[in-house]
Amino acid sequence: MPKNKSHSGASKRFKITGSGKVLRERAGKRHLLEHKSSRVTRRLTGTAEMAPGDAKKIKKLLGK
């Protein structure tokens, strides 16, 4: 049986914690930041946990 290949696009975007939660970056902090308030850009920093339904799909893509 050949080895499973993980989805390389998904592996760059998502991280799985030791307990099995899927983490993602928040959207909206790449460009057009000039018109967004500092309050919004601060809120968008850091990582967020994926919703349970989506997390299941992501784990499948990553081969976990």
PDB file of N, CA and C in Angstrom:
ATOM      1  N   MET A   1       0.842  -1.192   0.000  1.00  0.00           N
ATOM      2  CA  MET A   1       0.000   0.000   0.000  1.00  0.00           C
ATOM      3  C   MET A   1       0.887   1.256   0.000  1.00  0.00           C
ATOM      4  N   PRO A   2       0.637   2.222  -0.910  1.00  0.00           N
ATOM      5  CA  PRO A   2       1.469   3.426  -0.898  1.00  0.00           C
ATOM      6  C   PRO A   2       1.151   4.341   0.280  1.00  0.00           C
ATOM      7  N   LYS A   3       2.105   5.209   0.582  1.00  0.00           N
ATOM      8  CA  LYS A   3       1.908   6.138   1.695  1.00  0.00           C
ATOM      9  C   LYS A   3       0.901   7.219   1.304  1.00  0.00           C
ATOM     10  N   ASN A   4       0.179   7.735   2.319  1.00  0.00           N
ATOM     11  CA  ASN A   4      -0.743   8.849   2.085  1.00  0.00           C
ATOM     12  C   ASN A   4       0.058  10.136   1.980  1.00  0.00           C
ATOM     13  N   LYS A   5      -0.324  10.987   1.024  1.00  0.00           N
ATOM     14  CA  LYS A   5       0.310  12.304   0.933  1.00  0.00           C
ATOM     15  C   LYS A   5      -0.611  13.325   1.572  1.00  0.00           C
ATOM     16  N   SER A   6      -0.036  14.169   2.439  1.00  0.00           N
ATOM     17  CA  SER A   6      -0.853  15.209   3.058  1.00  0.00           C
ATOM     18  C   SER A   6      -1.032  16.332   2.046  1.00  0.00           C
ATOM     19  N   HIS A   7      -2.109  17.053   2.157  1.00  0.00           N
ATOM     20  CA  HIS A   7      -2.426  18.173   1.265  1.00  0.00           C
ATOM     21  C   HIS A   7      -1.478  19.320   1.587  1.00  0.00           C
ATOM     22  N   SER A   8      -0.568  19.648   0.677  1.00  0.00           N
ATOM     23  CA  SER A   8       0.491  20.607   0.985  1.00  0.00           C
ATOM     24  C   SER A   8      -0.057  22.006   1.242  1.00  0.00           C
ATOM     25  N   GLY A   9      -1.152  22.381   0.568  1.00  0.00           N
ATOM     26  CA  GLY A   9      -1.773  23.687   0.807  1.00  0.00           C
ATOM     27  C   GLY A   9      -2.343  23.782   2.200  1.00  0.00           C
ATOM     28  N   ALA A  10      -2.980  22.711   2.640  1.00  0.00           N
ATOM     29  CA  ALA A  10      -3.580  22.683   3.976  1.00  0.00           C
ATOM     30  C   ALA A  10      -2.509  22.646   5.055  1.00  0.00           C
ATOM     31  N   SER A  11      -1.415  21.947   4.782  1.00  0.00           N
ATOM     32  CA  SER A  11      -0.359  21.831   5.796  1.00  0.00           C
ATOM     33  C   SER A  11       0.320  23.174   6.058  1.00  0.00           C
ATOM     34  N   LYS A  12       0.295  24.080   5.057  1.00  0.00           N
ATOM     35  CA  LYS A  12       0.869  25.412   5.244  1.00  0.00           C
ATOM     36  C   LYS A  12      -0.068  26.314   6.034  1.00  0.00           C
ATOM     37  N   ARG A  13      -1.352  26.030   6.004  1.00  0.00           N
ATOM     38  CA  ARG A  13      -2.342  26.924   6.603  1.00  0.00           C
ATOM     39  C   ARG A  13      -2.817  26.520   7.991  1.00  0.00           C
ATOM     40  N   PHE A  14      -2.724  25.240   8.310  1.00  0.00           N
ATOM     41  CA  PHE A  14      -3.288  24.750   9.564  1.00  0.00           C
ATOM     42  C   PHE A  14      -2.249  24.018  10.397  1.00  0.00           C
ATOM     43  N   LYS A  15      -2.461  24.039  11.718  1.00  0.00           N
ATOM     44  CA  LYS A  15      -1.556  23.370  12.651  1.00  0.00           C
ATOM     45  C   LYS A  15      -2.405  22.561  13.615  1.00  0.00           C
ATOM     46  N   ILE A  16      -1.974  21.357  13.929  1.00  0.00           N
ATOM     47  CA  ILE A  16      -2.720  20.516  14.871  1.00  0.00           C
ATOM     48  C   ILE A  16      -1.969  20.501  16.198  1.00  0.00           C
ATOM     49  N   THR A  17      -2.691  20.785  17.279  1.00  0.00           N
ATOM     50  CA  THR A  17      -2.096  20.817  18.612  1.00  0.00           C
ATOM     51  C   THR A  17      -1.928  19.392  19.132  1.00  0.00           C
ATOM     52  N   GLY A  18      -1.274  19.277  20.254  1.00  0.00           N
ATOM     53  CA  GLY A  18      -1.060  17.966  20.865  1.00  0.00           C
ATOM     54  C   GLY A  18      -2.354  17.286  21.243  1.00  0.00           C
ATOM     55  N   SER A  19      -3.349  18.078  21.643  1.00  0.00           N
ATOM     56  CA  SER A  19      -4.636  17.496  22.044  1.00  0.00           C
ATOM     57  C   SER A  19      -5.544  17.222  20.853  1.00  0.00           C
ATOM     58  N   GLY A  20      -5.107  17.619  19.645  1.00  0.00           N
ATOM     59  CA  GLY A  20      -5.883  17.303  18.445  1.00  0.00           C
ATOM     60  C   GLY A  20      -6.753  18.430  17.920  1.00  0.00           C
ATOM     61  N   LYS A  21      -6.619  19.636  18.492  1.00  0.00           N
ATOM     62  CA  LYS A  21      -7.380  20.777  17.979  1.00  0.00           C
ATOM     63  C   LYS A  21      -6.677  21.326  16.738  1.00  0.00           C
ATOM     64  N   VAL A  22      -7.460  21.917  15.831  1.00  0.00           N
ATOM     65  CA  VAL A  22      -6.898  22.485  14.609  1.00  0.00           C
ATOM     66  C   VAL A  22      -6.876  24.006  14.744  1.00  0.00           C
ATOM     67  N   LEU A  23      -5.690  24.601  14.553  1.00  0.00           N
ATOM     68  CA  LEU A  23      -5.539  26.048  14.660  1.00  0.00           C
ATOM     69  C   LEU A  23      -5.374  26.660  13.281  1.00  0.00           C
ATOM     70  N   ARG A  24      -5.863  27.891  13.132  1.00  0.00           N
ATOM     71  CA  ARG A  24      -5.759  28.620  11.873  1.00  0.00           C
ATOM     72  C   ARG A  24      -5.458  30.081  12.175  1.00  0.00           C
ATOM     73  N   GLU A  25      -4.941  30.783  11.169  1.00  0.00           N
ATOM     74  CA  GLU A  25      -4.742  32.232  11.275  1.00  0.00           C
ATOM     75  C   GLU A  25      -6.056  32.913  10.931  1.00  0.00           C
ATOM     76  N   ARG A  26      -6.259  34.116  11.450  1.00  0.00           N
ATOM     77  CA  ARG A  26      -7.475  34.867  11.126  1.00  0.00           C
ATOM     78  C   ARG A  26      -7.315  35.588   9.795  1.00  0.00           C
ATOM     79  N   ALA A  27      -8.396  35.692   9.066  1.00  0.00           N
ATOM     80  CA  ALA A  27      -8.374  36.358   7.761  1.00  0.00           C
ATOM     81  C   ALA A  27      -8.493  37.862   7.936  1.00  0.00           C
ATOM     82  N   GLY A  28      -8.013  38.603   6.953  1.00  0.00           N
ATOM     83  CA  GLY A  28      -8.216  40.044   6.927  1.00  0.00           C
ATOM     84  C   GLY A  28      -7.065  40.876   7.441  1.00  0.00           C
ATOM     85  N   LYS A  29      -5.863  40.287   7.539  1.00  0.00           N
ATOM     86  CA  LYS A  29      -4.735  41.063   8.054  1.00  0.00           C
ATOM     87  C   LYS A  29      -3.585  41.127   7.044  1.00  0.00           C
ATOM     88  N   ARG A  30      -3.861  40.873   5.797  1.00  0.00           N
ATOM     89  CA  ARG A  30      -2.817  40.851   4.771  1.00  0.00           C
ATOM     90  C   ARG A  30      -2.623  42.206   4.100  1.00  0.00           C
ATOM     91  N   HIS A  31      -3.705  42.829   3.697  1.00  0.00           N
ATOM     92  CA  HIS A  31      -3.574  44.082   2.944  1.00  0.00           C
ATOM     93  C   HIS A  31      -4.775  44.979   3.234  1.00  0.00           C
ATOM     94  N   LEU A  32      -4.730  46.198   2.674  1.00  0.00           N
ATOM     95  CA  LEU A  32      -5.764  47.222   2.900  1.00  0.00           C
ATOM     96  C   LEU A  32      -5.936  47.524   4.391  1.00  0.00           C
ATOM     97  N   LEU A  33      -4.817  47.559   5.103  1.00  0.00           N
ATOM     98  CA  LEU A  33      -4.868  47.763   6.552  1.00  0.00           C
ATOM     99  C   LEU A  33      -5.029  49.237   6.917  1.00  0.00           C
ATOM    100  N   GLU A  34      -4.756  50.118   5.950  1.00  0.00           N
ATOM    101  CA  GLU A  34      -4.781  51.544   6.226  1.00  0.00           C
ATOM    102  C   GLU A  34      -6.162  52.015   6.673  1.00  0.00           C
ATOM    103  N   HIS A  35      -7.197  51.471   6.056  1.00  0.00           N
ATOM    104  CA  HIS A  35      -8.551  51.925   6.414  1.00  0.00           C
ATOM    105  C   HIS A  35      -9.190  51.109   7.528  1.00  0.00           C
ATOM    106  N   LYS A  36      -8.503  50.054   7.983  1.00  0.00           N
ATOM    107  CA  LYS A  36      -9.015  49.284   9.114  1.00  0.00           C
ATOM    108  C   LYS A  36      -8.482  49.915  10.398  1.00  0.00           C
ATOM    109  N   SER A  37      -9.319  49.939  11.427  1.00  0.00           N
ATOM    110  CA  SER A  37      -8.892  50.549  12.681  1.00  0.00           C
ATOM    111  C   SER A  37      -7.884  49.646  13.390  1.00  0.00           C
ATOM    112  N   SER A  38      -7.092  50.253  14.254  1.00  0.00           N
ATOM    113  CA  SER A  38      -6.084  49.497  15.005  1.00  0.00           C
ATOM    114  C   SER A  38      -6.755  48.446  15.866  1.00  0.00           C
ATOM    115  N   ARG A  39      -7.953  48.773  16.327  1.00  0.00           N
ATOM    116  CA  ARG A  39      -8.713  47.849  17.164  1.00  0.00           C
ATOM    117  C   ARG A  39      -9.034  46.566  16.395  1.00  0.00           C
ATOM    118  N   VAL A  40      -9.396  46.720  15.135  1.00  0.00           N
ATOM    119  CA  VAL A  40      -9.717  45.564  14.288  1.00  0.00           C
ATOM    120  C   VAL A  40      -8.465  44.743  14.016  1.00  0.00           C
ATOM    121  N   THR A  41      -7.368  45.422  13.659  1.00  0.00           N
ATOM    122  CA  THR A  41      -6.148  44.685  13.321  1.00  0.00           C
ATOM    123  C   THR A  41      -5.581  43.959  14.539  1.00  0.00           C
ATOM    124  N   ARG A  42      -5.731  44.523  15.727  1.00  0.00           N
ATOM    125  CA  ARG A  42      -5.289  43.828  16.943  1.00  0.00           C
ATOM    126  C   ARG A  42      -6.130  42.588  17.191  1.00  0.00           C
ATOM    127  N   ARG A  43      -7.420  42.697  16.919  1.00  0.00           N
ATOM    128  CA  ARG A  43      -8.336  41.574  17.134  1.00  0.00           C
ATOM    129  C   ARG A  43      -8.017  40.411  16.193  1.00  0.00           C
ATOM    130  N   LEU A  44      -7.461  40.745  15.028  1.00  0.00           N
ATOM    131  CA  LEU A  44      -7.169  39.726  14.026  1.00  0.00           C
ATOM    132  C   LEU A  44      -5.831  39.033  14.228  1.00  0.00           C
ATOM    133  N   THR A  45      -5.018  39.486  15.205  1.00  0.00           N
ATOM    134  CA  THR A  45      -3.730  38.830  15.435  1.00  0.00           C
ATOM    135  C   THR A  45      -3.937  37.494  16.145  1.00  0.00           C
ATOM    136  N   GLY A  46      -2.935  36.645  16.048  1.00  0.00           N
ATOM    137  CA  GLY A  46      -2.970  35.361  16.753  1.00  0.00           C
ATOM    138  C   GLY A  46      -3.751  34.299  16.008  1.00  0.00           C
ATOM    139  N   THR A  47      -3.869  33.165  16.633  1.00  0.00           N
ATOM    140  CA  THR A  47      -4.521  32.019  16.002  1.00  0.00           C
ATOM    141  C   THR A  47      -5.900  31.792  16.595  1.00  0.00           C
ATOM    142  N   ALA A  48      -6.727  31.103  15.836  1.00  0.00           N
ATOM    143  CA  ALA A  48      -8.075  30.754  16.277  1.00  0.00           C
ATOM    144  C   ALA A  48      -8.274  29.262  16.076  1.00  0.00           C
ATOM    145  N   GLU A  49      -9.210  28.716  16.810  1.00  0.00           N
ATOM    146  CA  GLU A  49      -9.513  27.288  16.693  1.00  0.00           C
ATOM    147  C   GLU A  49     -10.561  27.086  15.604  1.00  0.00           C
ATOM    148  N   MET A  50     -10.404  26.023  14.836  1.00  0.00           N
ATOM    149  CA  MET A  50     -11.363  25.730  13.772  1.00  0.00           C
ATOM    150  C   MET A  50     -12.668  25.202  14.363  1.00  0.00           C
ATOM    151  N   ALA A  51     -13.764  25.449  13.653  1.00  0.00           N
ATOM    152  CA  ALA A  51     -15.059  24.892  14.034  1.00  0.00           C
ATOM    153  C   ALA A  51     -14.987  23.373  13.899  1.00  0.00           C
ATOM    154  N   PRO A  52     -15.693  22.644  14.761  1.00  0.00           N
ATOM    155  CA  PRO A  52     -15.580  21.171  14.773  1.00  0.00           C
ATOM    156  C   PRO A  52     -15.854  20.504  13.424  1.00  0.00           C
ATOM    157  N   GLY A  53     -16.842  20.989  12.706  1.00  0.00           N
ATOM    158  CA  GLY A  53     -17.170  20.396  11.401  1.00  0.00           C
ATOM    159  C   GLY A  53     -16.060  20.580  10.394  1.00  0.00           C
ATOM    160  N   ASP A  54     -15.462  21.777  10.379  1.00  0.00           N
ATOM    161  CA  ASP A  54     -14.371  22.056   9.445  1.00  0.00           C
ATOM    162  C   ASP A  54     -13.096  21.343   9.874  1.00  0.00           C
ATOM    163  N   ALA A  55     -12.890  21.234  11.182  1.00  0.00           N
ATOM    164  CA  ALA A  55     -11.687  20.597  11.716  1.00  0.00           C
ATOM    165  C   ALA A  55     -11.586  19.143  11.236  1.00  0.00           C
ATOM    166  N   LYS A  56     -12.730  18.494  11.136  1.00  0.00           N
ATOM    167  CA  LYS A  56     -12.772  17.098  10.679  1.00  0.00           C
ATOM    168  C   LYS A  56     -12.255  17.001   9.244  1.00  0.00           C
ATOM    169  N   LYS A  57     -12.677  17.953   8.402  1.00  0.00           N
ATOM    170  CA  LYS A  57     -12.236  17.986   6.994  1.00  0.00           C
ATOM    171  C   LYS A  57     -10.748  18.264   6.901  1.00  0.00           C
ATOM    172  N   ILE A  58     -10.258  19.190   7.714  1.00  0.00           N
ATOM    173  CA  ILE A  58      -8.847  19.568   7.687  1.00  0.00           C
ATOM    174  C   ILE A  58      -7.974  18.407   8.114  1.00  0.00           C
ATOM    175  N   LYS A  59      -8.389  17.687   9.134  1.00  0.00           N
ATOM    176  CA  LYS A  59      -7.616  16.528   9.604  1.00  0.00           C
ATOM    177  C   LYS A  59      -7.506  15.468   8.512  1.00  0.00           C
ATOM    178  N   LYS A  60      -8.562  15.319   7.737  1.00  0.00           N
ATOM    179  CA  LYS A  60      -8.553  14.359   6.643  1.00  0.00           C
ATOM    180  C   LYS A  60      -7.525  14.782   5.584  1.00  0.00           C
ATOM    181  N   LEU A  61      -7.489  16.099   5.292  1.00  0.00           N
ATOM    182  CA  LEU A  61      -6.535  16.611   4.304  1.00  0.00           C
ATOM    183  C   LEU A  61      -5.094  16.430   4.774  1.00  0.00           C
ATOM    184  N   LEU A  62      -4.892  16.573   6.089  1.00  0.00           N
ATOM    185  CA  LEU A  62      -3.546  16.445   6.646  1.00  0.00           C
ATOM    186  C   LEU A  62      -3.155  14.993   6.917  1.00  0.00           C
ATOM    187  N   GLY A  63      -4.091  14.085   6.739  1.00  0.00           N
ATOM    188  CA  GLY A  63      -3.814  12.673   6.963  1.00  0.00           C
ATOM    189  C   GLY A  63      -3.714  12.296   8.412  1.00  0.00           C
ATOM    190  N   LYS A  64      -4.489  12.973   9.273  1.00  0.00           N
ATOM    191  CA  LYS A  64      -4.448  12.697  10.722  1.00  0.00           C
ATOM    192  C   LYS A  64      -5.702  11.953  11.148  1.00  0.00           C
TER     193      LYS A  64
END
